[in-house]
Amino acid sequence: MVVAVAALAIVNLLYKAAGPSILGSRPFPPRARAVADALPVALLAALLTVDLLGYRWHDVDWTVLPGLAVALTLRARRRSHLTCIIAGVICTAAIRVLLRATSANPWL
């Protein structure tokens, strides 16, 4: 396992070093730069979608949606990232506590 991790680290380092060594001091073309700038947003959207919809998209956790809406609203109003995350977590937790308190099943 240690050898596999070390080999993966070396391959990762070589892969990351290949770009600057091939390009040298030339800048990326505008199209490649636009694609590279869009990749993190697309990856985050995909991870968020998979996390919200659950395994094979059958386990939708709807209690996360109001928390996400609160976080997005606060972010649109230019609040800090930490404030948005904390407010979203508090909203989601409050909804889950209210659902648990009103449920007849104590293990929900």
PDB file of N, CA and C in Angstrom:
ATOM      1  N   MET A   1       0.821  -1.178   0.000  1.00  0.00           N
ATOM      2  CA  MET A   1       0.000   0.000   0.000  1.00  0.00           C
ATOM      3  C   MET A   1       0.875   1.255   0.000  1.00  0.00           C
ATOM      4  N   VAL A   2       1.937   1.229   0.768  1.00  0.00           N
ATOM      5  CA  VAL A   2       2.837   2.385   0.834  1.00  0.00           C
ATOM      6  C   VAL A   2       3.497   2.616  -0.525  1.00  0.00           C
ATOM      7  N   VAL A   3       3.873   1.534  -1.190  1.00  0.00           N
ATOM      8  CA  VAL A   3       4.506   1.661  -2.506  1.00  0.00           C
ATOM      9  C   VAL A   3       3.510   2.250  -3.511  1.00  0.00           C
ATOM     10  N   ALA A   4       2.254   1.822  -3.451  1.00  0.00           N
ATOM     11  CA  ALA A   4       1.232   2.346  -4.362  1.00  0.00           C
ATOM     12  C   ALA A   4       0.992   3.830  -4.130  1.00  0.00           C
ATOM     13  N   VAL A   5       0.940   4.250  -2.876  1.00  0.00           N
ATOM     14  CA  VAL A   5       0.742   5.663  -2.565  1.00  0.00           C
ATOM     15  C   VAL A   5       1.939   6.484  -3.025  1.00  0.00           C
ATOM     16  N   ALA A   6       3.143   5.976  -2.789  1.00  0.00           N
ATOM     17  CA  ALA A   6       4.344   6.696  -3.227  1.00  0.00           C
ATOM     18  C   ALA A   6       4.398   6.785  -4.751  1.00  0.00           C
ATOM     19  N   ALA A   7       4.040   5.703  -5.440  1.00  0.00           N
ATOM     20  CA  ALA A   7       4.036   5.724  -6.907  1.00  0.00           C
ATOM     21  C   ALA A   7       2.993   6.703  -7.430  1.00  0.00           C
ATOM     22  N   LEU A   8       1.836   6.730  -6.802  1.00  0.00           N
ATOM     23  CA  LEU A   8       0.798   7.674  -7.210  1.00  0.00           C
ATOM     24  C   LEU A   8       1.241   9.113  -6.986  1.00  0.00           C
ATOM     25  N   ALA A   9       1.934   9.377  -5.893  1.00  0.00           N
ATOM     26  CA  ALA A   9       2.445  10.717  -5.623  1.00  0.00           C
ATOM     27  C   ALA A   9       3.472  11.146  -6.671  1.00  0.00           C
ATOM     28  N   ILE A  10       4.324  10.226  -7.053  1.00  0.00           N
ATOM     29  CA  ILE A  10       5.350  10.539  -8.070  1.00  0.00           C
ATOM     30  C   ILE A  10       4.694  10.791  -9.428  1.00  0.00           C
ATOM     31  N   VAL A  11       3.733   9.952  -9.801  1.00  0.00           N
ATOM     32  CA  VAL A  11       3.030  10.149 -11.075  1.00  0.00           C
ATOM     33  C   VAL A  11       2.282  11.483 -11.062  1.00  0.00           C
ATOM     34  N   ASN A  12       1.672  11.821  -9.953  1.00  0.00           N
ATOM     35  CA  ASN A  12       0.965  13.093  -9.831  1.00  0.00           C
ATOM     36  C   ASN A  12       1.928  14.264  -9.988  1.00  0.00           C
ATOM     37  N   LEU A  13       3.063  14.196  -9.368  1.00  0.00           N
ATOM     38  CA  LEU A  13       4.063  15.255  -9.471  1.00  0.00           C
ATOM     39  C   LEU A  13       4.552  15.404 -10.910  1.00  0.00           C
ATOM     40  N   LEU A  14       4.835  14.296 -11.566  1.00  0.00           N
ATOM     41  CA  LEU A  14       5.283  14.349 -12.962  1.00  0.00           C
ATOM     42  C   LEU A  14       4.193  14.892 -13.886  1.00  0.00           C
ATOM     43  N   TYR A  15       2.962  14.507 -13.614  1.00  0.00           N
ATOM     44  CA  TYR A  15       1.833  14.977 -14.425  1.00  0.00           C
ATOM     45  C   TYR A  15       1.665  16.492 -14.290  1.00  0.00           C
ATOM     46  N   LYS A  16       1.769  16.997 -13.071  1.00  0.00           N
ATOM     47  CA  LYS A  16       1.629  18.435 -12.850  1.00  0.00           C
ATOM     48  C   LYS A  16       2.820  19.211 -13.399  1.00  0.00           C
ATOM     49  N   ALA A  17       3.979  18.604 -13.423  1.00  0.00           N
ATOM     50  CA  ALA A  17       5.165  19.287 -13.948  1.00  0.00           C
ATOM     51  C   ALA A  17       5.199  19.280 -15.468  1.00  0.00           C
ATOM     52  N   ALA A  18       4.433  18.391 -16.090  1.00  0.00           N
ATOM     53  CA  ALA A  18       4.469  18.295 -17.548  1.00  0.00           C
ATOM     54  C   ALA A  18       3.905  19.533 -18.222  1.00  0.00           C
ATOM     55  N   GLY A  19       2.863  20.118 -17.672  1.00  0.00           N
ATOM     56  CA  GLY A  19       2.247  21.293 -18.283  1.00  0.00           C
ATOM     57  C   GLY A  19       3.200  22.473 -18.416  1.00  0.00           C
ATOM     58  N   PRO A  20       3.789  22.948 -17.311  1.00  0.00           N
ATOM     59  CA  PRO A  20       4.725  24.075 -17.436  1.00  0.00           C
ATOM     60  C   PRO A  20       5.962  23.744 -18.258  1.00  0.00           C
ATOM     61  N   SER A  21       6.413  22.494 -18.204  1.00  0.00           N
ATOM     62  CA  SER A  21       7.616  22.166 -18.983  1.00  0.00           C
ATOM     63  C   SER A  21       7.320  22.124 -20.478  1.00  0.00           C
ATOM     64  N   ILE A  22       6.126  21.728 -20.859  1.00  0.00           N
ATOM     65  CA  ILE A  22       5.764  21.704 -22.275  1.00  0.00           C
ATOM     66  C   ILE A  22       5.483  23.105 -22.795  1.00  0.00           C
ATOM     67  N   LEU A  23       4.732  23.890 -22.018  1.00  0.00           N
ATOM     68  CA  LEU A  23       4.365  25.230 -22.467  1.00  0.00           C
ATOM     69  C   LEU A  23       5.501  26.235 -22.324  1.00  0.00           C
ATOM     70  N   GLY A  24       6.362  26.035 -21.355  1.00  0.00           N
ATOM     71  CA  GLY A  24       7.430  27.002 -21.099  1.00  0.00           C
ATOM     72  C   GLY A  24       6.852  28.285 -20.533  1.00  0.00           C
ATOM     73  N   SER A  25       7.214  29.410 -21.107  1.00  0.00           N
ATOM     74  CA  SER A  25       6.716  30.689 -20.599  1.00  0.00           C
ATOM     75  C   SER A  25       5.503  31.181 -21.372  1.00  0.00           C
ATOM     76  N   ARG A  26       5.008  30.389 -22.320  1.00  0.00           N
ATOM     77  CA  ARG A  26       3.835  30.792 -23.098  1.00  0.00           C
ATOM     78  C   ARG A  26       2.569  30.656 -22.262  1.00  0.00           C
ATOM     79  N   PRO A  27       1.649  31.584 -22.373  1.00  0.00           N
ATOM     80  CA  PRO A  27       0.385  31.467 -21.622  1.00  0.00           C
ATOM     81  C   PRO A  27      -0.555  30.473 -22.300  1.00  0.00           C
ATOM     82  N   PHE A  28      -1.496  29.980 -21.535  1.00  0.00           N
ATOM     83  CA  PHE A  28      -2.506  29.092 -22.090  1.00  0.00           C
ATOM     84  C   PHE A  28      -3.360  29.862 -23.096  1.00  0.00           C
ATOM     85  N   PRO A  29      -3.881  29.188 -24.102  1.00  0.00           N
ATOM     86  CA  PRO A  29      -4.821  29.851 -25.010  1.00  0.00           C
ATOM     87  C   PRO A  29      -6.099  30.238 -24.256  1.00  0.00           C
ATOM     88  N   PRO A  30      -6.801  31.265 -24.694  1.00  0.00           N
ATOM     89  CA  PRO A  30      -8.009  31.702 -23.973  1.00  0.00           C
ATOM     90  C   PRO A  30      -9.062  30.609 -23.827  1.00  0.00           C
ATOM     91  N   ARG A  31      -9.235  29.781 -24.836  1.00  0.00           N
ATOM     92  CA  ARG A  31     -10.236  28.704 -24.761  1.00  0.00           C
ATOM     93  C   ARG A  31      -9.857  27.682 -23.685  1.00  0.00           C
ATOM     94  N   ALA A  32      -8.587  27.309 -23.630  1.00  0.00           N
ATOM     95  CA  ALA A  32      -8.134  26.352 -22.614  1.00  0.00           C
ATOM     96  C   ALA A  32      -8.250  26.952 -21.218  1.00  0.00           C
ATOM     97  N   ARG A  33      -7.971  28.232 -21.091  1.00  0.00           N
ATOM     98  CA  ARG A  33      -8.094  28.909 -19.796  1.00  0.00           C
ATOM     99  C   ARG A  33      -9.556  28.945 -19.348  1.00  0.00           C
ATOM    100  N   ALA A  34     -10.481  29.187 -20.286  1.00  0.00           N
ATOM    101  CA  ALA A  34     -11.911  29.219 -19.954  1.00  0.00           C
ATOM    102  C   ALA A  34     -12.394  27.846 -19.489  1.00  0.00           C
ATOM    103  N   VAL A  35     -11.927  26.794 -20.153  1.00  0.00           N
ATOM    104  CA  VAL A  35     -12.312  25.437 -19.755  1.00  0.00           C
ATOM    105  C   VAL A  35     -11.741  25.115 -18.373  1.00  0.00           C
ATOM    106  N   ALA A  36     -10.489  25.473 -18.140  1.00  0.00           N
ATOM    107  CA  ALA A  36      -9.863  25.201 -16.841  1.00  0.00           C
ATOM    108  C   ALA A  36     -10.543  25.986 -15.720  1.00  0.00           C
ATOM    109  N   ASP A  37     -11.022  27.179 -16.017  1.00  0.00           N
ATOM    110  CA  ASP A  37     -11.729  27.965 -15.006  1.00  0.00           C
ATOM    111  C   ASP A  37     -13.116  27.399 -14.710  1.00  0.00           C
ATOM    112  N   ALA A  38     -13.735  26.753 -15.681  1.00  0.00           N
ATOM    113  CA  ALA A  38     -15.080  26.206 -15.491  1.00  0.00           C
ATOM    114  C   ALA A  38     -15.081  24.838 -14.823  1.00  0.00           C
ATOM    115  N   LEU A  39     -13.979  24.121 -14.845  1.00  0.00           N
ATOM    116  CA  LEU A  39     -13.945  22.762 -14.293  1.00  0.00           C
ATOM    117  C   LEU A  39     -14.259  22.684 -12.799  1.00  0.00           C
ATOM    118  N   PRO A  40     -13.689  23.538 -11.936  1.00  0.00           N
ATOM    119  CA  PRO A  40     -14.028  23.418 -10.514  1.00  0.00           C
ATOM    120  C   PRO A  40     -15.506  23.639 -10.221  1.00  0.00           C
ATOM    121  N   VAL A  41     -16.131  24.565 -10.923  1.00  0.00           N
ATOM    122  CA  VAL A  41     -17.555  24.828 -10.708  1.00  0.00           C
ATOM    123  C   VAL A  41     -18.382  23.620 -11.140  1.00  0.00           C
ATOM    124  N   ALA A  42     -18.037  23.026 -12.280  1.00  0.00           N
ATOM    125  CA  ALA A  42     -18.769  21.859 -12.756  1.00  0.00           C
ATOM    126  C   ALA A  42     -18.586  20.673 -11.816  1.00  0.00           C
ATOM    127  N   LEU A  43     -17.378  20.487 -11.309  1.00  0.00           N
ATOM    128  CA  LEU A  43     -17.127  19.396 -10.371  1.00  0.00           C
ATOM    129  C   LEU A  43     -17.899  19.596  -9.070  1.00  0.00           C
ATOM    130  N   LEU A  44     -17.913  20.813  -8.562  1.00  0.00           N
ATOM    131  CA  LEU A  44     -18.658  21.091  -7.333  1.00  0.00           C
ATOM    132  C   LEU A  44     -20.149  20.869  -7.541  1.00  0.00           C
ATOM    133  N   ALA A  45     -20.685  21.301  -8.671  1.00  0.00           N
ATOM    134  CA  ALA A  45     -22.107  21.078  -8.958  1.00  0.00           C
ATOM    135  C   ALA A  45     -22.422  19.589  -9.049  1.00  0.00           C
ATOM    136  N   ALA A  46     -21.555  18.823  -9.670  1.00  0.00           N
ATOM    137  CA  ALA A  46     -21.775  17.378  -9.777  1.00  0.00           C
ATOM    138  C   ALA A  46     -21.726  16.708  -8.405  1.00  0.00           C
ATOM    139  N   LEU A  47     -20.755  17.074  -7.589  1.00  0.00           N
ATOM    140  CA  LEU A  47     -20.654  16.486  -6.249  1.00  0.00           C
ATOM    141  C   LEU A  47     -21.856  16.858  -5.388  1.00  0.00           C
ATOM    142  N   LEU A  48     -22.310  18.091  -5.499  1.00  0.00           N
ATOM    143  CA  LEU A  48     -23.475  18.537  -4.737  1.00  0.00           C
ATOM    144  C   LEU A  48     -24.726  17.787  -5.181  1.00  0.00           C
ATOM    145  N   THR A  49     -24.882  17.593  -6.474  1.00  0.00           N
ATOM    146  CA  THR A  49     -26.044  16.872  -6.994  1.00  0.00           C
ATOM    147  C   THR A  49     -26.049  15.427  -6.509  1.00  0.00           C
ATOM    148  N   VAL A  50     -24.919  14.766  -6.590  1.00  0.00           N
ATOM    149  CA  VAL A  50     -24.834  13.378  -6.134  1.00  0.00           C
ATOM    150  C   VAL A  50     -25.077  13.289  -4.637  1.00  0.00           C
ATOM    151  N   ASP A  51     -24.560  14.240  -3.878  1.00  0.00           N
ATOM    152  CA  ASP A  51     -24.753  14.220  -2.433  1.00  0.00           C
ATOM    153  C   ASP A  51     -26.215  14.469  -2.068  1.00  0.00           C
ATOM    154  N   LEU A  52     -26.889  15.337  -2.777  1.00  0.00           N
ATOM    155  CA  LEU A  52     -28.292  15.629  -2.473  1.00  0.00           C
ATOM    156  C   LEU A  52     -29.213  14.481  -2.859  1.00  0.00           C
ATOM    157  N   LEU A  53     -28.940  13.826  -3.980  1.00  0.00           N
ATOM    158  CA  LEU A  53     -29.848  12.807  -4.477  1.00  0.00           C
ATOM    159  C   LEU A  53     -29.564  11.414  -3.937  1.00  0.00           C
ATOM    160  N   GLY A  54     -28.406  11.198  -3.339  1.00  0.00           N
ATOM    161  CA  GLY A  54     -28.118   9.933  -2.692  1.00  0.00           C
ATOM    162  C   GLY A  54     -27.692   8.828  -3.641  1.00  0.00           C
ATOM    163  N   TYR A  55     -27.598   7.630  -3.104  1.00  0.00           N
ATOM    164  CA  TYR A  55     -27.135   6.463  -3.849  1.00  0.00           C
ATOM    165  C   TYR A  55     -28.095   6.157  -4.990  1.00  0.00           C
ATOM    166  N   ARG A  56     -27.578   6.109  -6.186  1.00  0.00           N
ATOM    167  CA  ARG A  56     -28.361   5.867  -7.398  1.00  0.00           C
ATOM    168  C   ARG A  56     -29.553   6.815  -7.519  1.00  0.00           C
ATOM    169  N   TRP A  57     -29.471   7.951  -6.910  1.00  0.00           N
ATOM    170  CA  TRP A  57     -30.459   9.034  -6.980  1.00  0.00           C
ATOM    171  C   TRP A  57     -31.828   8.601  -6.444  1.00  0.00           C
ATOM    172  N   HIS A  58     -31.827   7.700  -5.469  1.00  0.00           N
ATOM    173  CA  HIS A  58     -33.085   7.249  -4.881  1.00  0.00           C
ATOM    174  C   HIS A  58     -33.286   7.763  -3.463  1.00  0.00           C
ATOM    175  N   ASP A  59     -32.272   8.274  -2.836  1.00  0.00           N
ATOM    176  CA  ASP A  59     -32.358   8.687  -1.442  1.00  0.00           C
ATOM    177  C   ASP A  59     -32.289  10.208  -1.325  1.00  0.00           C
ATOM    178  N   VAL A  60     -33.289  10.883  -1.829  1.00  0.00           N
ATOM    179  CA  VAL A  60     -33.292  12.341  -1.801  1.00  0.00           C
ATOM    180  C   VAL A  60     -33.475  12.806  -0.363  1.00  0.00           C
ATOM    181  N   ASP A  61     -32.562  13.619   0.121  1.00  0.00           N
ATOM    182  CA  ASP A  61     -32.657  14.190   1.461  1.00  0.00           C
ATOM    183  C   ASP A  61     -33.160  15.623   1.305  1.00  0.00           C
ATOM    184  N   TRP A  62     -34.466  15.798   1.362  1.00  0.00           N
ATOM    185  CA  TRP A  62     -35.056  17.105   1.104  1.00  0.00           C
ATOM    186  C   TRP A  62     -34.753  18.108   2.202  1.00  0.00           C
ATOM    187  N   THR A  63     -34.324  17.657   3.385  1.00  0.00           N
ATOM    188  CA  THR A  63     -34.034  18.604   4.472  1.00  0.00           C
ATOM    189  C   THR A  63     -32.805  19.445   4.187  1.00  0.00           C
ATOM    190  N   VAL A  64     -31.984  19.020   3.248  1.00  0.00           N
ATOM    191  CA  VAL A  64     -30.787  19.782   2.887  1.00  0.00           C
ATOM    192  C   VAL A  64     -31.142  20.971   1.991  1.00  0.00           C
ATOM    193  N   LEU A  65     -32.223  20.859   1.245  1.00  0.00           N
ATOM    194  CA  LEU A  65     -32.582  21.903   0.289  1.00  0.00           C
ATOM    195  C   LEU A  65     -32.842  23.270   0.929  1.00  0.00           C
ATOM    196  N   PRO A  66     -33.611  23.369   2.044  1.00  0.00           N
ATOM    197  CA  PRO A  66     -33.756  24.689   2.662  1.00  0.00           C
ATOM    198  C   PRO A  66     -32.436  25.253   3.188  1.00  0.00           C
ATOM    199  N   GLY A  67     -31.585  24.400   3.731  1.00  0.00           N
ATOM    200  CA  GLY A  67     -30.275  24.860   4.187  1.00  0.00           C
ATOM    201  C   GLY A  67     -29.429  25.376   3.046  1.00  0.00           C
ATOM    202  N   LEU A  68     -29.496  24.677   1.910  1.00  0.00           N
ATOM    203  CA  LEU A  68     -28.785  25.116   0.719  1.00  0.00           C
ATOM    204  C   LEU A  68     -29.336  26.441   0.213  1.00  0.00           C
ATOM    205  N   ALA A  69     -30.653  26.593   0.270  1.00  0.00           N
ATOM    206  CA  ALA A  69     -31.277  27.851  -0.160  1.00  0.00           C
ATOM    207  C   ALA A  69     -30.847  29.016   0.734  1.00  0.00           C
ATOM    208  N   VAL A  70     -30.758  28.761   2.036  1.00  0.00           N
ATOM    209  CA  VAL A  70     -30.306  29.808   2.964  1.00  0.00           C
ATOM    210  C   VAL A  70     -28.862  30.194   2.658  1.00  0.00           C
ATOM    211  N   ALA A  71     -28.016  29.190   2.449  1.00  0.00           N
ATOM    212  CA  ALA A  71     -26.603  29.468   2.157  1.00  0.00           C
ATOM    213  C   ALA A  71     -26.454  30.241   0.850  1.00  0.00           C
ATOM    214  N   LEU A  72     -27.214  29.860  -0.178  1.00  0.00           N
ATOM    215  CA  LEU A  72     -27.133  30.560  -1.462  1.00  0.00           C
ATOM    216  C   LEU A  72     -27.658  31.986  -1.361  1.00  0.00           C
ATOM    217  N   THR A  73     -28.728  32.171  -0.595  1.00  0.00           N
ATOM    218  CA  THR A  73     -29.271  33.522  -0.418  1.00  0.00           C
ATOM    219  C   THR A  73     -28.276  34.421   0.299  1.00  0.00           C
ATOM    220  N   LEU A  74     -27.667  33.903   1.349  1.00  0.00           N
ATOM    221  CA  LEU A  74     -26.675  34.712   2.069  1.00  0.00           C
ATOM    222  C   LEU A  74     -25.459  35.002   1.191  1.00  0.00           C
ATOM    223  N   ARG A  75     -25.061  34.027   0.388  1.00  0.00           N
ATOM    224  CA  ARG A  75     -23.902  34.253  -0.484  1.00  0.00           C
ATOM    225  C   ARG A  75     -24.220  35.287  -1.556  1.00  0.00           C
ATOM    226  N   ALA A  76     -25.476  35.285  -2.043  1.00  0.00           N
ATOM    227  CA  ALA A  76     -25.888  36.287  -3.029  1.00  0.00           C
ATOM    228  C   ALA A  76     -25.887  37.685  -2.420  1.00  0.00           C
ATOM    229  N   ARG A  77     -26.054  37.749  -1.107  1.00  0.00           N
ATOM    230  CA  ARG A  77     -26.003  39.037  -0.412  1.00  0.00           C
ATOM    231  C   ARG A  77     -24.597  39.385   0.078  1.00  0.00           C
ATOM    232  N   ARG A  78     -23.601  38.681  -0.462  1.00  0.00           N
ATOM    233  CA  ARG A  78     -22.178  38.966  -0.222  1.00  0.00           C
ATOM    234  C   ARG A  78     -21.727  38.709   1.215  1.00  0.00           C
ATOM    235  N   ARG A  79     -22.308  37.707   1.864  1.00  0.00           N
ATOM    236  CA  ARG A  79     -21.831  37.308   3.188  1.00  0.00           C
ATOM    237  C   ARG A  79     -20.618  36.402   3.003  1.00  0.00           C
ATOM    238  N   SER A  80     -19.866  36.193   4.069  1.00  0.00           N
ATOM    239  CA  SER A  80     -18.662  35.357   3.975  1.00  0.00           C
ATOM    240  C   SER A  80     -19.042  33.892   3.799  1.00  0.00           C
ATOM    241  N   HIS A  81     -18.106  33.128   3.278  1.00  0.00           N
ATOM    242  CA  HIS A  81     -18.340  31.698   3.055  1.00  0.00           C
ATOM    243  C   HIS A  81     -18.665  30.988   4.361  1.00  0.00           C
ATOM    244  N   LEU A  82     -17.921  31.311   5.413  1.00  0.00           N
ATOM    245  CA  LEU A  82     -18.141  30.658   6.699  1.00  0.00           C
ATOM    246  C   LEU A  82     -19.541  30.952   7.234  1.00  0.00           C
ATOM    247  N   THR A  83     -19.991  32.189   7.108  1.00  0.00           N
ATOM    248  CA  THR A  83     -21.333  32.554   7.555  1.00  0.00           C
ATOM    249  C   THR A  83     -22.387  31.772   6.783  1.00  0.00           C
ATOM    250  N   CYS A  84     -22.201  31.642   5.484  1.00  0.00           N
ATOM    251  CA  CYS A  84     -23.161  30.907   4.651  1.00  0.00           C
ATOM    252  C   CYS A  84     -23.221  29.436   5.047  1.00  0.00           C
ATOM    253  N   ILE A  85     -22.075  28.835   5.264  1.00  0.00           N
ATOM    254  CA  ILE A  85     -22.028  27.417   5.632  1.00  0.00           C
ATOM    255  C   ILE A  85     -22.671  27.187   6.985  1.00  0.00           C
ATOM    256  N   ILE A  86     -22.334  28.014   7.955  1.00  0.00           N
ATOM    257  CA  ILE A  86     -22.899  27.855   9.294  1.00  0.00           C
ATOM    258  C   ILE A  86     -24.413  28.049   9.275  1.00  0.00           C
ATOM    259  N   ALA A  87     -24.893  29.050   8.558  1.00  0.00           N
ATOM    260  CA  ALA A  87     -26.339  29.291   8.480  1.00  0.00           C
ATOM    261  C   ALA A  87     -27.048  28.129   7.792  1.00  0.00           C
ATOM    262  N   GLY A  88     -26.466  27.584   6.733  1.00  0.00           N
ATOM    263  CA  GLY A  88     -27.070  26.439   6.053  1.00  0.00           C
ATOM    264  C   GLY A  88     -27.125  25.207   6.939  1.00  0.00           C
ATOM    265  N   VAL A  89     -26.060  24.963   7.690  1.00  0.00           N
ATOM    266  CA  VAL A  89     -26.023  23.812   8.597  1.00  0.00           C
ATOM    267  C   VAL A  89     -27.047  23.979   9.714  1.00  0.00           C
ATOM    268  N   ILE A  90     -27.145  25.179  10.268  1.00  0.00           N
ATOM    269  CA  ILE A  90     -28.112  25.427  11.346  1.00  0.00           C
ATOM    270  C   ILE A  90     -29.538  25.241  10.840  1.00  0.00           C
ATOM    271  N   CYS A  91     -29.819  25.732   9.648  1.00  0.00           N
ATOM    272  CA  CYS A  91     -31.164  25.577   9.072  1.00  0.00           C
ATOM    273  C   CYS A  91     -31.499  24.106   8.857  1.00  0.00           C
ATOM    274  N   THR A  92     -30.584  23.359   8.278  1.00  0.00           N
ATOM    275  CA  THR A  92     -30.821  21.934   8.036  1.00  0.00           C
ATOM    276  C   THR A  92     -30.981  21.172   9.345  1.00  0.00           C
ATOM    277  N   ALA A  93     -30.132  21.477  10.311  1.00  0.00           N
ATOM    278  CA  ALA A  93     -30.222  20.795  11.611  1.00  0.00           C
ATOM    279  C   ALA A  93     -31.538  21.121  12.310  1.00  0.00           C
ATOM    280  N   ALA A  94     -31.981  22.366  12.223  1.00  0.00           N
ATOM    281  CA  ALA A  94     -33.243  22.750  12.866  1.00  0.00           C
ATOM    282  C   ALA A  94     -34.421  22.009  12.245  1.00  0.00           C
ATOM    283  N   ILE A  95     -34.416  21.877  10.930  1.00  0.00           N
ATOM    284  CA  ILE A  95     -35.500  21.148  10.266  1.00  0.00           C
ATOM    285  C   ILE A  95     -35.484  19.681  10.683  1.00  0.00           C
ATOM    286  N   ARG A  96     -34.304  19.092  10.764  1.00  0.00           N
ATOM    287  CA  ARG A  96     -34.221  17.682  11.177  1.00  0.00           C
ATOM    288  C   ARG A  96     -34.650  17.482  12.619  1.00  0.00           C
ATOM    289  N   VAL A  97     -34.310  18.419  13.490  1.00  0.00           N
ATOM    290  CA  VAL A  97     -34.736  18.323  14.894  1.00  0.00           C
ATOM    291  C   VAL A  97     -36.249  18.448  14.995  1.00  0.00           C
ATOM    292  N   LEU A  98     -36.829  19.378  14.246  1.00  0.00           N
ATOM    293  CA  LEU A  98     -38.288  19.527  14.264  1.00  0.00           C
ATOM    294  C   LEU A  98     -38.982  18.285  13.727  1.00  0.00           C
ATOM    295  N   LEU A  99     -38.435  17.684  12.692  1.00  0.00           N
ATOM    296  CA  LEU A  99     -39.023  16.455  12.166  1.00  0.00           C
ATOM    297  C   LEU A  99     -38.910  15.305  13.164  1.00  0.00           C
ATOM    298  N   ARG A 100     -37.779  15.219  13.828  1.00  0.00           N
ATOM    299  CA  ARG A 100     -37.590  14.157  14.816  1.00  0.00           C
ATOM    300  C   ARG A 100     -38.526  14.354  16.006  1.00  0.00           C
ATOM    301  N   ALA A 101     -38.750  15.622  16.419  1.00  0.00           N
ATOM    302  CA  ALA A 101     -39.616  15.896  17.556  1.00  0.00           C
ATOM    303  C   ALA A 101     -41.073  15.592  17.234  1.00  0.00           C
ATOM    304  N   THR A 102     -41.477  15.778  15.992  1.00  0.00           N
ATOM    305  CA  THR A 102     -42.875  15.534  15.630  1.00  0.00           C
ATOM    306  C   THR A 102     -43.134  14.109  15.158  1.00  0.00           C
ATOM    307  N   SER A 103     -42.095  13.311  15.018  1.00  0.00           N
ATOM    308  CA  SER A 103     -42.241  11.947  14.527  1.00  0.00           C
ATOM    309  C   SER A 103     -42.572  11.013  15.678  1.00  0.00           C
ATOM    310  N   ALA A 104     -43.365  10.000  15.372  1.00  0.00           N
ATOM    311  CA  ALA A 104     -43.689   8.991  16.384  1.00  0.00           C
ATOM    312  C   ALA A 104     -42.555   8.002  16.532  1.00  0.00           C
ATOM    313  N   ASN A 105     -41.695   7.911  15.551  1.00  0.00           N
ATOM    314  CA  ASN A 105     -40.572   6.986  15.587  1.00  0.00           C
ATOM    315  C   ASN A 105     -39.358   7.698  16.203  1.00  0.00           C
ATOM    316  N   PRO A 106     -38.887   7.293  17.389  1.00  0.00           N
ATOM    317  CA  PRO A 106     -37.770   7.986  18.030  1.00  0.00           C
ATOM    318  C   PRO A 106     -36.444   7.721  17.333  1.00  0.00           C
ATOM    319  N   TRP A 107     -36.376   6.743  16.440  1.00  0.00           N
ATOM    320  CA  TRP A 107     -35.113   6.415  15.760  1.00  0.00           C
ATOM    321  C   TRP A 107     -34.986   7.084  14.401  1.00  0.00           C
ATOM    322  N   LEU A 108     -35.905   7.957  14.049  1.00  0.00           N
ATOM    323  CA  LEU A 108     -35.866   8.640  12.760  1.00  0.00           C
ATOM    324  C   LEU A 108     -34.718   9.599  12.677  1.00  0.00           C
TER     325      LEU A 108
END
